[in-house]
C-alpha atoms as a PDB file:
ATOM      1  CA  UNK A   1      57.027  39.546   6.783  1.00  0.00           C
ATOM      2  CA  UNK A   2      53.501  38.905   7.981  1.00  0.00           C
ATOM      3  CA  UNK A   3      52.557  42.559   7.549  1.00  0.00           C
ATOM      4  CA  UNK A   4      50.191  42.112   4.594  1.00  0.00           C
ATOM      5  CA  UNK A   5      48.297  39.248   6.232  1.00  0.00           C
ATOM      6  CA  UNK A   6      48.100  41.093   9.537  1.00  0.00           C
ATOM      7  CA  UNK A   7      46.883  44.274   7.858  1.00  0.00           C
ATOM      8  CA  UNK A   8      44.205  42.202   6.121  1.00  0.00           C
ATOM      9  CA  UNK A   9      43.169  40.693   9.473  1.00  0.00           C
ATOM     10  CA  UNK A  10      42.843  44.166  11.014  1.00  0.00           C
ATOM     11  CA  UNK A  11      40.762  45.275   8.039  1.00  0.00           C
ATOM     12  CA  UNK A  12      38.461  42.252   8.386  1.00  0.00           C
ATOM     13  CA  UNK A  13      37.982  42.907  12.102  1.00  0.00           C
ATOM     14  CA  UNK A  14      37.321  46.576  11.420  1.00  0.00           C
ATOM     15  CA  UNK A  15      34.684  45.742   8.813  1.00  0.00           C
ATOM     16  CA  UNK A  16      33.062  43.040  10.944  1.00  0.00           C
ATOM     17  CA  UNK A  17      32.678  44.735  14.331  1.00  0.00           C
ATOM     18  CA  UNK A  18      31.367  48.103  15.513  1.00  0.00           C
ATOM     19  CA  UNK A  19      33.930  48.502  18.328  1.00  0.00           C
ATOM     20  CA  UNK A  20      36.948  46.974  20.008  1.00  0.00           C
ATOM     21  CA  UNK A  21      34.700  45.619  22.741  1.00  0.00           C
ATOM     22  CA  UNK A  22      32.602  43.729  20.171  1.00  0.00           C
ATOM     23  CA  UNK A  23      35.594  41.741  18.862  1.00  0.00           C
ATOM     24  CA  UNK A  24      35.333  38.109  20.071  1.00  0.00           C
ATOM     25  CA  UNK A  25      37.661  37.100  22.890  1.00  0.00           C
ATOM     26  CA  UNK A  26      39.740  34.730  20.726  1.00  0.00           C
ATOM     27  CA  UNK A  27      40.430  37.490  18.203  1.00  0.00           C
ATOM     28  CA  UNK A  28      41.099  40.010  20.980  1.00  0.00           C
ATOM     29  CA  UNK A  29      43.610  37.601  22.534  1.00  0.00           C
ATOM     30  CA  UNK A  30      45.320  37.176  19.155  1.00  0.00           C
ATOM     31  CA  UNK A  31      45.586  40.945  18.735  1.00  0.00           C
ATOM     32  CA  UNK A  32      47.008  41.361  22.215  1.00  0.00           C
ATOM     33  CA  UNK A  33      49.487  38.481  21.949  1.00  0.00           C
ATOM     34  CA  UNK A  34      50.673  38.783  18.349  1.00  0.00           C
ATOM     35  CA  UNK A  35      49.949  42.264  17.039  1.00  0.00           C
ATOM     36  CA  UNK A  36      50.174  44.688  19.957  1.00  0.00           C
ATOM     37  CA  UNK A  37      52.004  42.505  22.505  1.00  0.00           C
ATOM     38  CA  UNK A  38      50.026  44.179  25.267  1.00  0.00           C
ATOM     39  CA  UNK A  39      46.390  44.527  26.224  1.00  0.00           C
ATOM     40  CA  UNK A  40      44.186  46.504  23.852  1.00  0.00           C
ATOM     41  CA  UNK A  41      43.594  48.966  26.690  1.00  0.00           C
ATOM     42  CA  UNK A  42      47.351  49.566  27.040  1.00  0.00           C
ATOM     43  CA  UNK A  43      47.760  49.833  23.265  1.00  0.00           C
ATOM     44  CA  UNK A  44      44.916  52.349  23.186  1.00  0.00           C
ATOM     45  CA  UNK A  45      46.586  54.431  25.940  1.00  0.00           C
ATOM     46  CA  UNK A  46      49.736  54.705  23.827  1.00  0.00           C
ATOM     47  CA  UNK A  47      47.696  55.520  20.731  1.00  0.00           C
ATOM     48  CA  UNK A  48      45.790  58.208  22.633  1.00  0.00           C
ATOM     49  CA  UNK A  49      49.082  59.755  23.836  1.00  0.00           C
ATOM     50  CA  UNK A  50      50.278  59.926  20.237  1.00  0.00           C
ATOM     51  CA  UNK A  51      47.086  61.604  19.038  1.00  0.00           C
ATOM     52  CA  UNK A  52      46.996  63.924  22.049  1.00  0.00           C
ATOM     53  CA  UNK A  53      50.177  65.487  20.705  1.00  0.00           C
ATOM     54  CA  UNK A  54      49.530  65.003  16.996  1.00  0.00           C
ATOM     55  CA  UNK A  55      45.811  65.655  16.460  1.00  0.00           C
ATOM     56  CA  UNK A  56      43.617  65.876  19.596  1.00  0.00           C
ATOM     57  CA  UNK A  57      40.455  66.211  17.481  1.00  0.00           C
ATOM     58  CA  UNK A  58      40.869  62.527  16.602  1.00  0.00           C
ATOM     59  CA  UNK A  59      40.435  61.622  20.278  1.00  0.00           C
ATOM     60  CA  UNK A  60      37.225  63.642  20.484  1.00  0.00           C
ATOM     61  CA  UNK A  61      35.948  61.768  17.465  1.00  0.00           C
ATOM     62  CA  UNK A  62      37.047  58.432  18.944  1.00  0.00           C
ATOM     63  CA  UNK A  63      35.203  59.147  22.205  1.00  0.00           C
ATOM     64  CA  UNK A  64      31.991  59.660  20.235  1.00  0.00           C
ATOM     65  CA  UNK A  65      32.526  56.887  17.700  1.00  0.00           C
ATOM     66  CA  UNK A  66      33.845  53.456  18.830  1.00  0.00           C
ATOM     67  CA  UNK A  67      34.520  52.468  15.225  1.00  0.00           C
ATOM     68  CA  UNK A  68      36.835  55.472  14.864  1.00  0.00           C
ATOM     69  CA  UNK A  69      38.630  54.455  18.051  1.00  0.00           C
ATOM     70  CA  UNK A  70      39.202  51.011  16.546  1.00  0.00           C
ATOM     71  CA  UNK A  71      40.459  52.647  13.358  1.00  0.00           C
ATOM     72  CA  UNK A  72      42.993  54.764  15.255  1.00  0.00           C
ATOM     73  CA  UNK A  73      44.267  51.774  17.226  1.00  0.00           C
ATOM     74  CA  UNK A  74      44.642  49.607  14.120  1.00  0.00           C
ATOM     75  CA  UNK A  75      46.317  52.457  12.250  1.00  0.00           C
ATOM     76  CA  UNK A  76      48.800  52.779  15.109  1.00  0.00           C
ATOM     77  CA  UNK A  77      49.923  49.189  14.508  1.00  0.00           C
ATOM     78  CA  UNK A  78      50.199  49.831  10.779  1.00  0.00           C
ATOM     79  CA  UNK A  79      52.182  53.024  11.362  1.00  0.00           C
ATOM     80  CA  UNK A  80      54.556  51.423  13.814  1.00  0.00           C
ATOM     81  CA  UNK A  81      55.280  48.576  11.399  1.00  0.00           C
ATOM     82  CA  UNK A  82      57.218  50.863   9.071  1.00  0.00           C
ATOM     83  CA  UNK A  83      59.077  52.413  12.027  1.00  0.00           C
ATOM     84  CA  UNK A  84      60.071  48.959  13.283  1.00  0.00           C
ATOM     85  CA  UNK A  85      61.442  48.184   9.827  1.00  0.00           C
ATOM     86  CA  UNK A  86      63.443  51.395   9.450  1.00  0.00           C
ATOM     87  CA  UNK A  87      64.851  51.083  12.958  1.00  0.00           C
ATOM     88  CA  UNK A  88      65.545  47.374  12.473  1.00  0.00           C
ATOM     89  CA  UNK A  89      63.776  46.283  15.670  1.00  0.00           C
ATOM     90  CA  UNK A  90      64.714  42.575  15.671  1.00  0.00           C
ATOM     91  CA  UNK A  91      61.821  41.210  17.725  1.00  0.00           C
ATOM     92  CA  UNK A  92      59.359  42.966  15.387  1.00  0.00           C
ATOM     93  CA  UNK A  93      60.891  41.621  12.168  1.00  0.00           C
ATOM     94  CA  UNK A  94      57.741  39.642  11.378  1.00  0.00           C
ATOM     95  CA  UNK A  95      55.748  42.910  11.482  1.00  0.00           C
ATOM     96  CA  UNK A  96      57.999  44.949   9.194  1.00  0.00           C
ATOM     97  CA  UNK A  97      56.248  47.047   6.604  1.00  0.00           C
ATOM     98  CA  UNK A  98      58.617  48.031   3.836  1.00  0.00           C
ATOM     99  CA  UNK A  99      57.327  50.655   1.448  1.00  0.00           C
ATOM    100  CA  UNK A 100      58.101  49.998  -2.164  1.00  0.00           C
ATOM    101  CA  UNK A 101      56.370  50.249  -5.455  1.00  0.00           C
ATOM    102  CA  UNK A 102      56.651  48.689  -8.876  1.00  0.00           C
ATOM    103  CA  UNK A 103      60.291  49.781  -9.067  1.00  0.00           C
ATOM    104  CA  UNK A 104      61.238  47.036  -6.596  1.00  0.00           C
ATOM    105  CA  UNK A 105      59.662  44.361  -8.802  1.00  0.00           C
ATOM    106  CA  UNK A 106      61.299  45.863 -11.892  1.00  0.00           C
ATOM    107  CA  UNK A 107      64.676  45.835 -10.134  1.00  0.00           C
ATOM    108  CA  UNK A 108      64.198  42.203  -9.077  1.00  0.00           C
ATOM    109  CA  UNK A 109      63.340  41.237 -12.680  1.00  0.00           C
ATOM    110  CA  UNK A 110      66.401  43.102 -13.954  1.00  0.00           C
ATOM    111  CA  UNK A 111      68.678  41.485 -11.360  1.00  0.00           C
ATOM    112  CA  UNK A 112      67.307  37.940 -11.877  1.00  0.00           C
ATOM    113  CA  UNK A 113      70.070  35.524 -12.831  1.00  0.00           C
ATOM    114  CA  UNK A 114      72.835  38.052 -12.169  1.00  0.00           C
ATOM    115  CA  UNK A 115      75.292  38.765  -9.386  1.00  0.00           C
ATOM    116  CA  UNK A 116      72.589  40.993  -7.855  1.00  0.00           C
ATOM    117  CA  UNK A 117      69.882  38.302  -7.834  1.00  0.00           C
ATOM    118  CA  UNK A 118      70.270  37.526  -4.141  1.00  0.00           C
ATOM    119  CA  UNK A 119      69.258  40.375  -1.796  1.00  0.00           C
ATOM    120  CA  UNK A 120      72.196  39.418   0.441  1.00  0.00           C
ATOM    121  CA  UNK A 121      74.590  40.109  -2.453  1.00  0.00           C
ATOM    122  CA  UNK A 122      73.271  43.610  -3.053  1.00  0.00           C
ATOM    123  CA  UNK A 123      75.690  46.214  -1.810  1.00  0.00           C
ATOM    124  CA  UNK A 124      74.792  49.856  -2.315  1.00  0.00           C
ATOM    125  CA  UNK A 125      78.002  50.551  -4.233  1.00  0.00           C
ATOM    126  CA  UNK A 126      77.526  47.598  -6.588  1.00  0.00           C
ATOM    127  CA  UNK A 127      73.899  48.469  -7.279  1.00  0.00           C
ATOM    128  CA  UNK A 128      74.791  52.131  -7.858  1.00  0.00           C
ATOM    129  CA  UNK A 129      77.645  51.228 -10.180  1.00  0.00           C
ATOM    130  CA  UNK A 130      75.366  48.949 -12.217  1.00  0.00           C
ATOM    131  CA  UNK A 131      72.687  51.618 -12.464  1.00  0.00           C
ATOM    132  CA  UNK A 132      75.205  54.253 -13.536  1.00  0.00           C
ATOM    133  CA  UNK A 133      76.812  51.911 -16.061  1.00  0.00           C
ATOM    134  CA  UNK A 134      73.410  50.930 -17.487  1.00  0.00           C
ATOM    135  CA  UNK A 135      72.388  54.581 -17.747  1.00  0.00           C
ATOM    136  CA  UNK A 136      75.644  55.414 -19.540  1.00  0.00           C
ATOM    137  CA  UNK A 137      75.145  52.544 -22.000  1.00  0.00           C
ATOM    138  CA  UNK A 138      71.574  53.636 -22.712  1.00  0.00           C
ATOM    139  CA  UNK A 139      72.659  57.246 -23.187  1.00  0.00           C
ATOM    140  CA  UNK A 140      75.339  56.166 -25.633  1.00  0.00           C
ATOM    141  CA  UNK A 141      72.918  53.934 -27.563  1.00  0.00           C
ATOM    142  CA  UNK A 142      70.361  56.720 -27.789  1.00  0.00           C
ATOM    143  CA  UNK A 143      73.040  58.993 -29.242  1.00  0.00           C
ATOM    144  CA  UNK A 144      74.031  56.328 -31.793  1.00  0.00           C
ATOM    145  CA  UNK A 145      70.357  55.858 -32.689  1.00  0.00           C
ATOM    146  CA  UNK A 146      69.965  59.581 -33.162  1.00  0.00           C
ATOM    147  CA  UNK A 147      73.021  59.783 -35.420  1.00  0.00           C
ATOM    148  CA  UNK A 148      72.360  56.609 -37.441  1.00  0.00           C
ATOM    149  CA  UNK A 149      68.567  56.683 -37.335  1.00  0.00           C
ATOM    150  CA  UNK A 150      68.710  52.969 -36.370  1.00  0.00           C
ATOM    151  CA  UNK A 151      67.218  51.283 -33.321  1.00  0.00           C
ATOM    152  CA  UNK A 152      69.356  49.084 -31.088  1.00  0.00           C
ATOM    153  CA  UNK A 153      68.474  46.731 -28.240  1.00  0.00           C
ATOM    154  CA  UNK A 154      70.400  47.390 -25.065  1.00  0.00           C
ATOM    155  CA  UNK A 155      69.048  44.505 -23.004  1.00  0.00           C
ATOM    156  CA  UNK A 156      72.341  42.568 -22.980  1.00  0.00           C
ATOM    157  CA  UNK A 157      74.403  45.696 -22.477  1.00  0.00           C
ATOM    158  CA  UNK A 158      72.582  46.871 -19.342  1.00  0.00           C
ATOM    159  CA  UNK A 159      72.276  43.558 -17.510  1.00  0.00           C
ATOM    160  CA  UNK A 160      73.762  43.669 -13.984  1.00  0.00           C
ATOM    161  CA  UNK A 161      77.411  42.692 -13.734  1.00  0.00           C
ATOM    162  CA  UNK A 162      79.853  42.061 -10.927  1.00  0.00           C
ATOM    163  CA  UNK A 163      82.033  44.925  -9.794  1.00  0.00           C
ATOM    164  CA  UNK A 164      85.063  43.221 -11.377  1.00  0.00           C
ATOM    165  CA  UNK A 165      83.278  42.927 -14.744  1.00  0.00           C
ATOM    166  CA  UNK A 166      82.255  46.582 -14.638  1.00  0.00           C
ATOM    167  CA  UNK A 167      85.727  47.746 -13.683  1.00  0.00           C
ATOM    168  CA  UNK A 168      87.196  45.698 -16.519  1.00  0.00           C
ATOM    169  CA  UNK A 169      84.754  47.181 -19.017  1.00  0.00           C
ATOM    170  CA  UNK A 170      85.446  50.683 -17.793  1.00  0.00           C
ATOM    171  CA  UNK A 171      89.223  50.210 -17.994  1.00  0.00           C
ATOM    172  CA  UNK A 172      89.102  48.629 -21.444  1.00  0.00           C
ATOM    173  CA  UNK A 173      87.064  51.503 -22.836  1.00  0.00           C
ATOM    174  CA  UNK A 174      85.336  49.020 -25.176  1.00  0.00           C
ATOM    175  CA  UNK A 175      81.887  50.269 -24.311  1.00  0.00           C
END
């Protein structure tokens, strides 16, 4: 998505200008056409309606401080980006903000070179089965380590596998 670059652009505009009105026309046009897909005045009206219900004190602050008004408007775009993603709004796909942390990168590293490497190949059941199988293998190895006082590497044993491979391993009882 373009979310990170667009968020950075909003941050730069916020830092550079004291109000929405001070933003140069070319940047304003870009915000209206690409980010908000409506005039800034219309986008502000919707933002104000949201804060009227949610936290009216923010509108009082915005009326007294143009920079705060800009902050609320920009935050509305940022907030909507995660809603567009969770609702799967197709024409806002480029704006999707998907919340994830280091676990996503760790999962991608773990899945690299396996049947789960491609995001399109990731089915909830297959991912869950791999996680459960890996957890069971690690639990078993930790027990063996405790009994034998030896340390074992489980890297090969917990790599992602296809559903057929996992089912075969589970039926064989070899692991």
